[in-house]
Amino acid sequence: MPVQQTSIEAYQTIQPTLNQRQKQIYQIIKTHPGISNNEIKRITKLGINQITPRVYELRQKGLVKCKGIKIDRITGRSVMCWEATTCQQW
């Protein structure tokens, strides 16, 4: 699928402002729409204190948005789940 010019422009604008951890978290959210912070934690083996701030930063940049709320399969608690709002490639 060809990349839209607007996606290329967004990439060129945003890409330099993302650090490596933000890129890693963004890629996981992009490939797993509806993923929660706890699920990201399980995939990356990072601490939740490394996940939550990166998701917040991505939300502030408009790259990630809340897709809804679901029940975490391990904790049984309600959690927010995320999806990517733009098509970023690194």
C-alpha atoms as a PDB file:
ATOM      1  CA  MET A   1       0.000   0.000   0.000  1.00  0.00           C
ATOM      2  CA  PRO A   2       1.523   3.363  -0.956  1.00  0.00           C
ATOM      3  CA  VAL A   3       2.193   5.877   1.778  1.00  0.00           C
ATOM      4  CA  GLN A   4       0.059   9.018   1.675  1.00  0.00           C
ATOM      5  CA  GLN A   5       1.900  12.344   1.379  1.00  0.00           C
ATOM      6  CA  THR A   6       0.289  13.495   4.624  1.00  0.00           C
ATOM      7  CA  SER A   7       1.711  10.443   6.415  1.00  0.00           C
ATOM      8  CA  ILE A   8       5.167  11.196   5.050  1.00  0.00           C
ATOM      9  CA  GLU A   9       4.907  14.797   6.230  1.00  0.00           C
ATOM     10  CA  ALA A  10       3.687  13.702   9.674  1.00  0.00           C
ATOM     11  CA  TYR A  11       6.554  11.233   9.922  1.00  0.00           C
ATOM     12  CA  GLN A  12       9.134  13.870   9.000  1.00  0.00           C
ATOM     13  CA  THR A  13       7.696  16.264  11.565  1.00  0.00           C
ATOM     14  CA  ILE A  14       7.271  13.849  14.467  1.00  0.00           C
ATOM     15  CA  GLN A  15      10.033  11.277  13.966  1.00  0.00           C
ATOM     16  CA  PRO A  16      12.917  13.416  15.257  1.00  0.00           C
ATOM     17  CA  THR A  17      11.008  14.181  18.456  1.00  0.00           C
ATOM     18  CA  LEU A  18      10.469  10.553  19.500  1.00  0.00           C
ATOM     19  CA  ASN A  19      13.072   8.728  21.536  1.00  0.00           C
ATOM     20  CA  GLN A  20      13.811   5.035  21.129  1.00  0.00           C
ATOM     21  CA  ARG A  21      11.505   3.897  23.956  1.00  0.00           C
ATOM     22  CA  GLN A  22       8.603   5.965  22.566  1.00  0.00           C
ATOM     23  CA  LYS A  23       9.167   4.402  19.137  1.00  0.00           C
ATOM     24  CA  GLN A  24       9.186   0.927  20.685  1.00  0.00           C
ATOM     25  CA  ILE A  25       5.917   1.514  22.556  1.00  0.00           C
ATOM     26  CA  TYR A  26       4.309   3.159  19.515  1.00  0.00           C
ATOM     27  CA  GLN A  27       5.190   0.178  17.291  1.00  0.00           C
ATOM     28  CA  ILE A  28       3.630  -2.236  19.789  1.00  0.00           C
ATOM     29  CA  ILE A  29       0.427  -0.183  19.989  1.00  0.00           C
ATOM     30  CA  LYS A  30       0.336   0.124  16.203  1.00  0.00           C
ATOM     31  CA  THR A  31       0.660  -3.635  15.689  1.00  0.00           C
ATOM     32  CA  HIS A  32      -1.692  -4.537  18.562  1.00  0.00           C
ATOM     33  CA  PRO A  33      -4.677  -2.128  18.427  1.00  0.00           C
ATOM     34  CA  GLY A  34      -6.621  -2.303  21.664  1.00  0.00           C
ATOM     35  CA  ILE A  35      -3.588  -3.172  23.795  1.00  0.00           C
ATOM     36  CA  SER A  36      -3.377  -2.063  27.429  1.00  0.00           C
ATOM     37  CA  ASN A  37      -0.371  -0.798  29.397  1.00  0.00           C
ATOM     38  CA  ASN A  38      -0.185  -4.125  31.245  1.00  0.00           C
ATOM     39  CA  GLU A  39      -0.134  -6.037  27.965  1.00  0.00           C
ATOM     40  CA  ILE A  40       2.628  -3.757  26.662  1.00  0.00           C
ATOM     41  CA  LYS A  41       4.496  -4.493  29.894  1.00  0.00           C
ATOM     42  CA  ARG A  42       4.140  -8.240  29.330  1.00  0.00           C
ATOM     43  CA  ILE A  43       5.417  -7.990  25.749  1.00  0.00           C
ATOM     44  CA  THR A  44       8.378  -5.724  26.487  1.00  0.00           C
ATOM     45  CA  LYS A  45       9.264  -7.041  29.961  1.00  0.00           C
ATOM     46  CA  LEU A  46       9.658  -3.385  31.015  1.00  0.00           C
ATOM     47  CA  GLY A  47       8.326  -1.972  34.253  1.00  0.00           C
ATOM     48  CA  ILE A  48       4.918  -0.308  34.190  1.00  0.00           C
ATOM     49  CA  ASN A  49       6.691   2.893  35.288  1.00  0.00           C
ATOM     50  CA  GLN A  50       8.484   2.845  31.924  1.00  0.00           C
ATOM     51  CA  ILE A  51       5.332   2.122  29.911  1.00  0.00           C
ATOM     52  CA  THR A  52       2.775   4.540  31.361  1.00  0.00           C
ATOM     53  CA  PRO A  53       4.806   7.751  30.845  1.00  0.00           C
ATOM     54  CA  ARG A  54       5.668   6.774  27.242  1.00  0.00           C
ATOM     55  CA  VAL A  55       2.005   6.126  26.420  1.00  0.00           C
ATOM     56  CA  TYR A  56       1.133   9.482  27.979  1.00  0.00           C
ATOM     57  CA  GLU A  57       3.800  11.226  25.882  1.00  0.00           C
ATOM     58  CA  LEU A  58       2.508   9.540  22.720  1.00  0.00           C
ATOM     59  CA  ARG A  59      -1.021  10.651  23.627  1.00  0.00           C
ATOM     60  CA  GLN A  60       0.212  14.226  24.114  1.00  0.00           C
ATOM     61  CA  LYS A  61       1.792  14.107  20.637  1.00  0.00           C
ATOM     62  CA  GLY A  62      -1.490  12.850  19.154  1.00  0.00           C
ATOM     63  CA  LEU A  63       0.001   9.536  18.021  1.00  0.00           C
ATOM     64  CA  VAL A  64      -2.044   7.324  20.349  1.00  0.00           C
ATOM     65  CA  LYS A  65      -5.631   7.507  21.546  1.00  0.00           C
ATOM     66  CA  CYS A  66      -7.874   5.521  23.837  1.00  0.00           C
ATOM     67  CA  LYS A  67      -9.732   2.803  21.981  1.00  0.00           C
ATOM     68  CA  GLY A  68     -11.882   1.902  24.965  1.00  0.00           C
ATOM     69  CA  ILE A  69     -11.909  -0.019  28.218  1.00  0.00           C
ATOM     70  CA  LYS A  70     -11.601  -3.755  28.694  1.00  0.00           C
ATOM     71  CA  ILE A  71     -10.993  -6.254  31.473  1.00  0.00           C
ATOM     72  CA  ASP A  72      -7.360  -7.305  31.882  1.00  0.00           C
ATOM     73  CA  ARG A  73      -7.202 -11.072  31.463  1.00  0.00           C
ATOM     74  CA  ILE A  74      -4.721 -11.529  34.321  1.00  0.00           C
ATOM     75  CA  THR A  75      -5.681  -8.915  36.907  1.00  0.00           C
ATOM     76  CA  GLY A  76      -9.425  -8.901  36.193  1.00  0.00           C
ATOM     77  CA  ARG A  77      -9.442  -5.098  36.438  1.00  0.00           C
ATOM     78  CA  SER A  78     -10.794  -2.565  33.973  1.00  0.00           C
ATOM     79  CA  VAL A  79      -8.006  -1.048  31.891  1.00  0.00           C
ATOM     80  CA  MET A  80      -7.800   1.502  29.101  1.00  0.00           C
ATOM     81  CA  CYS A  81      -6.678   0.175  25.750  1.00  0.00           C
ATOM     82  CA  TRP A  82      -4.816   2.119  23.080  1.00  0.00           C
ATOM     83  CA  GLU A  83      -4.593   2.444  19.323  1.00  0.00           C
ATOM     84  CA  ALA A  84      -2.328   4.391  16.990  1.00  0.00           C
ATOM     85  CA  THR A  85      -3.852   7.453  15.363  1.00  0.00           C
ATOM     86  CA  THR A  86      -1.354   7.826  12.502  1.00  0.00           C
ATOM     87  CA  CYS A  87       0.768   5.559  10.360  1.00  0.00           C
ATOM     88  CA  GLN A  88       4.375   5.980  11.497  1.00  0.00           C
ATOM     89  CA  GLN A  89       7.229   3.876  10.119  1.00  0.00           C
ATOM     90  CA  TRP A  90      10.775   3.720  11.440  1.00  0.00           C
END
